[in-house]
Amino acid sequence: MKNYRGWFQAFLLLTVVWFSSFGCVTKQVWSDKREVKPYIDTIISFYSNVEQQEILFLGEKYHYIFSENTVAFMELLKAKSFLKLSDENIKVYATINRGDNRKVEANIMLYFKESGRTSAQMSWLTKHGFNARNVDRYFGKEHRYLANEKVEMMTVYTRDYSIRGRRYIAEEKVNAEVVRLKKPMQIEIVEFYRSDKKSRLYKVAMTPLSVTADAGLIIVGVGAAIIYAPFALTYAAYEEIKGE
């Protein structure tokens, strides 16, 4: 009986300590208040580096260089002409890292309407992780239904990509020389700020990019230069993704 009581008392003590520490963690989480301050950046150009599997979103405010989880999305870009990819197929949602404001994550939703697709295109989509969804015909667009308006449904194939990288302050002379989109894309980037004095914001560096004579991009600095080109690698093919 004494051994049982001793074991029980030890268990009770450990339980109390565990819950106490849990309470401290809970208080710390609730006290770590962060203010959400989204901003809008206008993306004027997209570049990529096929060898390094890197993707660049060049905005008016910042340059975003993505190097993590980009392989699958690069596969899509290689097939963009075959799939007839356009800006209306893409929705981008971006978030700045809560702990390091130099880091960024972009969630990219791709969707293609089933109607008008060839069997070869449908085969490519299903083999590359796209799933069928039944949605209303205004899917991906802002629309407020009227009281008696008929809801028309359609089938789309969708997939989400999540890529991570770093952001840099844009430079006007770089933006002035890049191959630009005909229709710049405005995206909302969610950023977090601590409301107390403990907030730590890292200094966001200036863009490491420089423009070459043929509108290519290179990373300047220590190490080998990395060459970037528009998504399609040739200007003529790049026109196809820009829309009219």
C-alpha atoms as a PDB file:
ATOM      1  CA  MET A   1       0.000   0.000   0.000  1.00  0.00           C
ATOM      2  CA  LYS A   2       2.842   2.386   0.852  1.00  0.00           C
ATOM      3  CA  ASN A   3       4.451   1.795  -2.544  1.00  0.00           C
ATOM      4  CA  TYR A   4       1.129   2.474  -4.247  1.00  0.00           C
ATOM      5  CA  ARG A   5       0.628   5.706  -2.314  1.00  0.00           C
ATOM      6  CA  GLY A   6       4.173   6.815  -3.121  1.00  0.00           C
ATOM      7  CA  TRP A   7       3.678   6.141  -6.818  1.00  0.00           C
ATOM      8  CA  PHE A   8       0.328   7.946  -6.817  1.00  0.00           C
ATOM      9  CA  GLN A   9       1.760  11.007  -5.054  1.00  0.00           C
ATOM     10  CA  ALA A  10       4.635  11.167  -7.535  1.00  0.00           C
ATOM     11  CA  PHE A  11       2.199  10.851 -10.448  1.00  0.00           C
ATOM     12  CA  LEU A  12       0.009  13.592  -8.970  1.00  0.00           C
ATOM     13  CA  LEU A  13       2.995  15.903  -8.541  1.00  0.00           C
ATOM     14  CA  LEU A  14       4.127  15.381 -12.121  1.00  0.00           C
ATOM     15  CA  THR A  15       0.591  16.001 -13.379  1.00  0.00           C
ATOM     16  CA  VAL A  16       0.332  19.287 -11.471  1.00  0.00           C
ATOM     17  CA  VAL A  17       3.709  20.420 -12.790  1.00  0.00           C
ATOM     18  CA  TRP A  18       2.742  19.465 -16.356  1.00  0.00           C
ATOM     19  CA  PHE A  19      -0.549  21.362 -16.266  1.00  0.00           C
ATOM     20  CA  SER A  20       1.157  24.347 -14.661  1.00  0.00           C
ATOM     21  CA  SER A  21       3.728  24.499 -17.436  1.00  0.00           C
ATOM     22  CA  PHE A  22       0.939  24.090 -19.999  1.00  0.00           C
ATOM     23  CA  GLY A  23      -0.794  27.097 -18.477  1.00  0.00           C
ATOM     24  CA  CYS A  24       2.368  29.138 -18.798  1.00  0.00           C
ATOM     25  CA  VAL A  25       2.681  28.181 -22.456  1.00  0.00           C
ATOM     26  CA  THR A  26      -0.972  29.067 -23.014  1.00  0.00           C
ATOM     27  CA  LYS A  27      -0.495  32.487 -21.423  1.00  0.00           C
ATOM     28  CA  GLN A  28       2.571  33.048 -23.591  1.00  0.00           C
ATOM     29  CA  VAL A  29       0.642  32.154 -26.745  1.00  0.00           C
ATOM     30  CA  TRP A  30      -2.239  34.460 -25.899  1.00  0.00           C
ATOM     31  CA  SER A  31       0.109  37.305 -24.921  1.00  0.00           C
ATOM     32  CA  ASP A  32       2.028  36.978 -28.207  1.00  0.00           C
ATOM     33  CA  LYS A  33      -0.366  39.255 -30.034  1.00  0.00           C
ATOM     34  CA  ARG A  34       0.420  39.986 -33.639  1.00  0.00           C
ATOM     35  CA  GLU A  35      -1.321  42.569 -35.760  1.00  0.00           C
ATOM     36  CA  VAL A  36      -2.183  41.531 -39.289  1.00  0.00           C
ATOM     37  CA  LYS A  37      -1.276  44.183 -41.859  1.00  0.00           C
ATOM     38  CA  PRO A  38      -1.786  42.966 -45.431  1.00  0.00           C
ATOM     39  CA  TYR A  39      -0.377  44.980 -48.294  1.00  0.00           C
ATOM     40  CA  ILE A  40      -0.921  44.921 -52.044  1.00  0.00           C
ATOM     41  CA  ASP A  41       1.978  44.391 -54.394  1.00  0.00           C
ATOM     42  CA  THR A  42       1.675  44.598 -58.163  1.00  0.00           C
ATOM     43  CA  ILE A  43       3.530  41.769 -59.873  1.00  0.00           C
ATOM     44  CA  ILE A  44       4.958  43.104 -63.120  1.00  0.00           C
ATOM     45  CA  SER A  45       6.946  40.072 -64.278  1.00  0.00           C
ATOM     46  CA  PHE A  46       7.645  36.380 -63.684  1.00  0.00           C
ATOM     47  CA  TYR A  47      11.057  34.811 -64.169  1.00  0.00           C
ATOM     48  CA  SER A  48      12.419  31.336 -63.533  1.00  0.00           C
ATOM     49  CA  ASN A  49      15.677  29.431 -63.319  1.00  0.00           C
ATOM     50  CA  VAL A  50      15.064  25.918 -64.599  1.00  0.00           C
ATOM     51  CA  GLU A  51      18.391  24.476 -63.469  1.00  0.00           C
ATOM     52  CA  GLN A  52      18.039  25.755 -59.904  1.00  0.00           C
ATOM     53  CA  GLN A  53      14.249  25.220 -59.826  1.00  0.00           C
ATOM     54  CA  GLU A  54      13.728  28.809 -58.695  1.00  0.00           C
ATOM     55  CA  ILE A  55      10.786  31.085 -59.452  1.00  0.00           C
ATOM     56  CA  LEU A  56      10.778  34.872 -59.255  1.00  0.00           C
ATOM     57  CA  PHE A  57       7.788  37.143 -58.737  1.00  0.00           C
ATOM     58  CA  LEU A  58       8.930  40.679 -59.506  1.00  0.00           C
ATOM     59  CA  GLY A  59       6.704  43.234 -57.795  1.00  0.00           C
ATOM     60  CA  GLU A  60       6.727  47.001 -57.712  1.00  0.00           C
ATOM     61  CA  LYS A  61       7.500  46.959 -53.973  1.00  0.00           C
ATOM     62  CA  TYR A  62       9.405  43.691 -53.527  1.00  0.00           C
ATOM     63  CA  HIS A  63      11.105  40.897 -55.437  1.00  0.00           C
ATOM     64  CA  TYR A  64      10.166  37.403 -54.259  1.00  0.00           C
ATOM     65  CA  ILE A  65      12.620  34.579 -54.999  1.00  0.00           C
ATOM     66  CA  PHE A  66      11.108  31.137 -54.359  1.00  0.00           C
ATOM     67  CA  SER A  67      13.424  28.151 -54.056  1.00  0.00           C
ATOM     68  CA  GLU A  68      11.513  25.613 -51.885  1.00  0.00           C
ATOM     69  CA  ASN A  69       8.810  23.190 -53.113  1.00  0.00           C
ATOM     70  CA  THR A  70       9.025  24.605 -56.629  1.00  0.00           C
ATOM     71  CA  VAL A  71       9.623  21.404 -58.627  1.00  0.00           C
ATOM     72  CA  ALA A  72       5.949  20.512 -59.195  1.00  0.00           C
ATOM     73  CA  PHE A  73       5.059  24.079 -60.127  1.00  0.00           C
ATOM     74  CA  MET A  74       7.962  24.221 -62.571  1.00  0.00           C
ATOM     75  CA  GLU A  75       6.548  21.105 -64.250  1.00  0.00           C
ATOM     76  CA  LEU A  76       3.308  22.989 -64.771  1.00  0.00           C
ATOM     77  CA  LEU A  77       5.142  25.952 -66.265  1.00  0.00           C
ATOM     78  CA  LYS A  78       6.919  23.680 -68.751  1.00  0.00           C
ATOM     79  CA  ALA A  79       3.492  22.526 -69.979  1.00  0.00           C
ATOM     80  CA  LYS A  80       1.845  25.951 -70.000  1.00  0.00           C
ATOM     81  CA  SER A  81       1.576  26.196 -73.799  1.00  0.00           C
ATOM     82  CA  PHE A  82       0.152  22.686 -74.022  1.00  0.00           C
ATOM     83  CA  LEU A  83      -2.400  23.457 -71.287  1.00  0.00           C
ATOM     84  CA  LYS A  84      -3.105  26.967 -72.648  1.00  0.00           C
ATOM     85  CA  LEU A  85      -2.344  28.438 -69.246  1.00  0.00           C
ATOM     86  CA  SER A  86      -3.376  32.063 -68.770  1.00  0.00           C
ATOM     87  CA  ASP A  87      -3.613  34.481 -65.875  1.00  0.00           C
ATOM     88  CA  GLU A  88      -7.297  33.658 -65.352  1.00  0.00           C
ATOM     89  CA  ASN A  89      -6.289  30.126 -64.293  1.00  0.00           C
ATOM     90  CA  ILE A  90      -4.098  31.350 -61.432  1.00  0.00           C
ATOM     91  CA  LYS A  91      -4.943  32.647 -57.959  1.00  0.00           C
ATOM     92  CA  VAL A  92      -2.077  33.627 -55.664  1.00  0.00           C
ATOM     93  CA  TYR A  93      -2.225  34.094 -51.888  1.00  0.00           C
ATOM     94  CA  ALA A  94       0.981  35.078 -50.104  1.00  0.00           C
ATOM     95  CA  THR A  95       2.015  35.335 -46.451  1.00  0.00           C
ATOM     96  CA  ILE A  96       5.119  36.741 -44.801  1.00  0.00           C
ATOM     97  CA  ASN A  97       6.636  34.423 -42.196  1.00  0.00           C
ATOM     98  CA  ARG A  98       5.468  35.272 -38.659  1.00  0.00           C
ATOM     99  CA  GLY A  99       8.936  34.860 -37.166  1.00  0.00           C
ATOM    100  CA  ASP A 100      11.099  36.206 -39.990  1.00  0.00           C
ATOM    101  CA  ASN A 101       9.756  39.001 -42.188  1.00  0.00           C
ATOM    102  CA  ARG A 102      12.396  38.236 -44.834  1.00  0.00           C
ATOM    103  CA  LYS A 103      10.711  34.936 -45.670  1.00  0.00           C
ATOM    104  CA  VAL A 104       7.582  34.505 -47.780  1.00  0.00           C
ATOM    105  CA  GLU A 105       5.223  31.666 -48.672  1.00  0.00           C
ATOM    106  CA  ALA A 106       2.916  31.711 -51.682  1.00  0.00           C
ATOM    107  CA  ASN A 107      -0.091  29.440 -52.082  1.00  0.00           C
ATOM    108  CA  ILE A 108      -0.976  29.167 -55.756  1.00  0.00           C
ATOM    109  CA  MET A 109      -4.293  27.707 -56.831  1.00  0.00           C
ATOM    110  CA  LEU A 110      -4.565  26.512 -60.422  1.00  0.00           C
ATOM    111  CA  TYR A 111      -7.866  25.560 -62.007  1.00  0.00           C
ATOM    112  CA  PHE A 112      -8.919  24.535 -65.489  1.00  0.00           C
ATOM    113  CA  LYS A 113     -12.448  24.144 -66.779  1.00  0.00           C
ATOM    114  CA  GLU A 114     -13.237  20.645 -67.980  1.00  0.00           C
ATOM    115  CA  SER A 115     -15.238  21.909 -70.951  1.00  0.00           C
ATOM    116  CA  GLY A 116     -13.136  22.460 -74.041  1.00  0.00           C
ATOM    117  CA  ARG A 117     -10.226  20.353 -72.783  1.00  0.00           C
ATOM    118  CA  THR A 118      -8.705  17.668 -74.969  1.00  0.00           C
ATOM    119  CA  SER A 119      -8.283  14.112 -73.692  1.00  0.00           C
ATOM    120  CA  ALA A 120      -4.495  14.629 -73.685  1.00  0.00           C
ATOM    121  CA  GLN A 121      -4.818  17.739 -71.531  1.00  0.00           C
ATOM    122  CA  MET A 122      -7.174  15.970 -69.126  1.00  0.00           C
ATOM    123  CA  SER A 123      -4.740  13.070 -68.878  1.00  0.00           C
ATOM    124  CA  TRP A 124      -1.889  15.454 -68.016  1.00  0.00           C
ATOM    125  CA  LEU A 125      -3.932  17.169 -65.305  1.00  0.00           C
ATOM    126  CA  THR A 126      -5.005  13.952 -63.599  1.00  0.00           C
ATOM    127  CA  LYS A 127      -1.469  12.532 -63.726  1.00  0.00           C
ATOM    128  CA  HIS A 128      -0.100  15.685 -62.094  1.00  0.00           C
ATOM    129  CA  GLY A 129      -2.390  15.766 -59.079  1.00  0.00           C
ATOM    130  CA  PHE A 130      -5.342  17.847 -60.292  1.00  0.00           C
ATOM    131  CA  ASN A 131      -8.719  16.853 -58.812  1.00  0.00           C
ATOM    132  CA  ALA A 132     -12.222  17.363 -60.223  1.00  0.00           C
ATOM    133  CA  ARG A 133     -14.600  19.733 -58.413  1.00  0.00           C
ATOM    134  CA  ASN A 134     -18.185  20.743 -59.155  1.00  0.00           C
ATOM    135  CA  VAL A 135     -18.459  24.501 -58.743  1.00  0.00           C
ATOM    136  CA  ASP A 136     -20.716  27.305 -59.892  1.00  0.00           C
ATOM    137  CA  ARG A 137     -19.898  29.067 -63.140  1.00  0.00           C
ATOM    138  CA  TYR A 138     -18.538  32.113 -61.285  1.00  0.00           C
ATOM    139  CA  PHE A 139     -15.842  30.059 -59.570  1.00  0.00           C
ATOM    140  CA  GLY A 140     -12.721  32.175 -59.098  1.00  0.00           C
ATOM    141  CA  LYS A 141     -14.617  35.413 -59.722  1.00  0.00           C
ATOM    142  CA  GLU A 142     -16.436  37.817 -57.459  1.00  0.00           C
ATOM    143  CA  HIS A 143     -20.174  37.523 -57.954  1.00  0.00           C
ATOM    144  CA  ARG A 144     -23.238  38.164 -55.815  1.00  0.00           C
ATOM    145  CA  TYR A 145     -26.230  36.088 -56.824  1.00  0.00           C
ATOM    146  CA  LEU A 146     -29.615  37.738 -57.285  1.00  0.00           C
ATOM    147  CA  ALA A 147     -32.623  36.323 -55.475  1.00  0.00           C
ATOM    148  CA  ASN A 148     -34.011  34.322 -58.431  1.00  0.00           C
ATOM    149  CA  GLU A 149     -30.793  33.808 -60.355  1.00  0.00           C
ATOM    150  CA  LYS A 150     -30.194  30.222 -61.440  1.00  0.00           C
ATOM    151  CA  VAL A 151     -27.004  28.638 -60.176  1.00  0.00           C
ATOM    152  CA  GLU A 152     -25.238  26.969 -63.075  1.00  0.00           C
ATOM    153  CA  MET A 153     -22.639  24.361 -62.208  1.00  0.00           C
ATOM    154  CA  MET A 154     -19.512  23.245 -64.034  1.00  0.00           C
ATOM    155  CA  THR A 155     -16.587  20.894 -63.462  1.00  0.00           C
ATOM    156  CA  VAL A 156     -13.091  22.250 -62.929  1.00  0.00           C
ATOM    157  CA  TYR A 157      -9.789  20.548 -62.207  1.00  0.00           C
ATOM    158  CA  THR A 158      -7.816  22.190 -59.426  1.00  0.00           C
ATOM    159  CA  ARG A 159      -4.525  21.856 -57.614  1.00  0.00           C
ATOM    160  CA  ASP A 160      -2.806  23.953 -54.944  1.00  0.00           C
ATOM    161  CA  TYR A 161       0.927  24.617 -54.899  1.00  0.00           C
ATOM    162  CA  SER A 162       2.773  25.972 -51.863  1.00  0.00           C
ATOM    163  CA  ILE A 163       6.193  27.476 -52.500  1.00  0.00           C
ATOM    164  CA  ARG A 164       8.544  29.249 -50.101  1.00  0.00           C
ATOM    165  CA  GLY A 165      11.346  31.728 -50.506  1.00  0.00           C
ATOM    166  CA  ARG A 166      12.637  35.160 -49.568  1.00  0.00           C
ATOM    167  CA  ARG A 167      11.615  38.706 -50.376  1.00  0.00           C
ATOM    168  CA  TYR A 168      13.807  41.654 -51.233  1.00  0.00           C
ATOM    169  CA  ILE A 169      13.183  45.360 -51.736  1.00  0.00           C
ATOM    170  CA  ALA A 170      12.643  46.025 -55.439  1.00  0.00           C
ATOM    171  CA  GLU A 171      14.896  48.336 -57.394  1.00  0.00           C
ATOM    172  CA  GLU A 172      13.412  50.663 -60.010  1.00  0.00           C
ATOM    173  CA  LYS A 173      16.220  50.274 -62.541  1.00  0.00           C
ATOM    174  CA  VAL A 174      15.766  46.486 -62.488  1.00  0.00           C
ATOM    175  CA  ASN A 175      11.981  46.700 -62.869  1.00  0.00           C
ATOM    176  CA  ALA A 176      12.403  49.116 -65.761  1.00  0.00           C
ATOM    177  CA  GLU A 177      14.387  46.589 -67.830  1.00  0.00           C
ATOM    178  CA  VAL A 178      12.604  43.264 -67.232  1.00  0.00           C
ATOM    179  CA  VAL A 179      10.134  41.625 -69.607  1.00  0.00           C
ATOM    180  CA  ARG A 180       6.827  42.882 -68.248  1.00  0.00           C
ATOM    181  CA  LEU A 181       3.374  41.340 -68.143  1.00  0.00           C
ATOM    182  CA  LYS A 182       0.752  42.986 -70.306  1.00  0.00           C
ATOM    183  CA  LYS A 183      -1.647  42.641 -67.391  1.00  0.00           C
ATOM    184  CA  PRO A 184       0.184  43.169 -64.098  1.00  0.00           C
ATOM    185  CA  MET A 185      -1.210  40.977 -61.328  1.00  0.00           C
ATOM    186  CA  GLN A 186      -2.137  42.505 -57.999  1.00  0.00           C
ATOM    187  CA  ILE A 187      -1.751  40.157 -55.047  1.00  0.00           C
ATOM    188  CA  GLU A 188      -2.402  40.667 -51.358  1.00  0.00           C
ATOM    189  CA  ILE A 189       0.450  39.685 -49.059  1.00  0.00           C
ATOM    190  CA  VAL A 190      -0.386  39.121 -45.393  1.00  0.00           C
ATOM    191  CA  GLU A 191       2.210  40.414 -42.962  1.00  0.00           C
ATOM    192  CA  PHE A 192       2.326  40.235 -39.149  1.00  0.00           C
ATOM    193  CA  TYR A 193       3.537  42.786 -36.627  1.00  0.00           C
ATOM    194  CA  ARG A 194       3.927  42.438 -32.892  1.00  0.00           C
ATOM    195  CA  SER A 195       2.029  45.175 -31.082  1.00  0.00           C
ATOM    196  CA  ASP A 196       4.496  45.411 -28.182  1.00  0.00           C
ATOM    197  CA  LYS A 197       8.124  46.494 -27.904  1.00  0.00           C
ATOM    198  CA  LYS A 198       9.344  42.905 -28.126  1.00  0.00           C
ATOM    199  CA  SER A 199       8.589  42.862 -31.832  1.00  0.00           C
ATOM    200  CA  ARG A 200      11.655  41.984 -33.889  1.00  0.00           C
ATOM    201  CA  LEU A 201      11.704  42.933 -37.532  1.00  0.00           C
ATOM    202  CA  TYR A 202      14.624  41.871 -39.659  1.00  0.00           C
ATOM    203  CA  LYS A 203      15.990  44.298 -42.212  1.00  0.00           C
ATOM    204  CA  VAL A 204      14.787  43.276 -45.662  1.00  0.00           C
ATOM    205  CA  ALA A 205      17.720  43.439 -48.092  1.00  0.00           C
ATOM    206  CA  MET A 206      17.762  45.157 -51.439  1.00  0.00           C
ATOM    207  CA  THR A 207      17.204  42.889 -54.422  1.00  0.00           C
ATOM    208  CA  PRO A 208      20.298  40.895 -55.444  1.00  0.00           C
ATOM    209  CA  LEU A 209      19.102  40.916 -59.046  1.00  0.00           C
ATOM    210  CA  SER A 210      20.690  42.740 -61.943  1.00  0.00           C
ATOM    211  CA  VAL A 211      19.520  42.907 -65.564  1.00  0.00           C
ATOM    212  CA  THR A 212      21.705  41.671 -68.416  1.00  0.00           C
ATOM    213  CA  ALA A 213      21.826  43.184 -71.893  1.00  0.00           C
ATOM    214  CA  ASP A 214      19.243  40.700 -73.229  1.00  0.00           C
ATOM    215  CA  ALA A 215      16.758  41.240 -70.369  1.00  0.00           C
ATOM    216  CA  GLY A 216      17.967  38.208 -68.470  1.00  0.00           C
ATOM    217  CA  LEU A 217      18.506  38.403 -64.725  1.00  0.00           C
ATOM    218  CA  ILE A 218      21.520  37.478 -62.660  1.00  0.00           C
ATOM    219  CA  ILE A 219      22.123  37.323 -58.934  1.00  0.00           C
ATOM    220  CA  VAL A 220      25.052  39.579 -58.116  1.00  0.00           C
ATOM    221  CA  GLY A 221      27.360  38.995 -55.200  1.00  0.00           C
ATOM    222  CA  VAL A 222      29.597  36.227 -53.912  1.00  0.00           C
ATOM    223  CA  GLY A 223      29.483  32.935 -55.795  1.00  0.00           C
ATOM    224  CA  ALA A 224      28.510  31.921 -59.299  1.00  0.00           C
ATOM    225  CA  ALA A 225      26.054  34.113 -61.141  1.00  0.00           C
ATOM    226  CA  ILE A 226      22.647  32.537 -61.681  1.00  0.00           C
ATOM    227  CA  ILE A 227      20.859  33.284 -64.917  1.00  0.00           C
ATOM    228  CA  TYR A 228      17.084  33.791 -64.888  1.00  0.00           C
ATOM    229  CA  ALA A 229      14.815  33.999 -67.909  1.00  0.00           C
ATOM    230  CA  PRO A 230      11.081  34.569 -68.442  1.00  0.00           C
ATOM    231  CA  PHE A 231       8.974  31.500 -67.739  1.00  0.00           C
ATOM    232  CA  ALA A 232       8.927  30.295 -71.346  1.00  0.00           C
ATOM    233  CA  LEU A 233      12.634  31.048 -71.850  1.00  0.00           C
ATOM    234  CA  THR A 234      11.808  32.830 -75.099  1.00  0.00           C
ATOM    235  CA  TYR A 235       9.925  36.090 -75.438  1.00  0.00           C
ATOM    236  CA  ALA A 236       7.567  34.771 -78.127  1.00  0.00           C
ATOM    237  CA  ALA A 237       6.364  31.911 -75.941  1.00  0.00           C
ATOM    238  CA  TYR A 238       6.237  34.221 -72.919  1.00  0.00           C
ATOM    239  CA  GLU A 239       3.597  36.285 -74.716  1.00  0.00           C
ATOM    240  CA  GLU A 240       1.160  33.365 -74.458  1.00  0.00           C
ATOM    241  CA  ILE A 241       0.883  33.511 -70.672  1.00  0.00           C
ATOM    242  CA  LYS A 242       0.354  37.270 -70.566  1.00  0.00           C
ATOM    243  CA  GLY A 243      -3.074  37.395 -72.157  1.00  0.00           C
ATOM    244  CA  GLU A 244      -4.556  40.079 -74.314  1.00  0.00           C
END
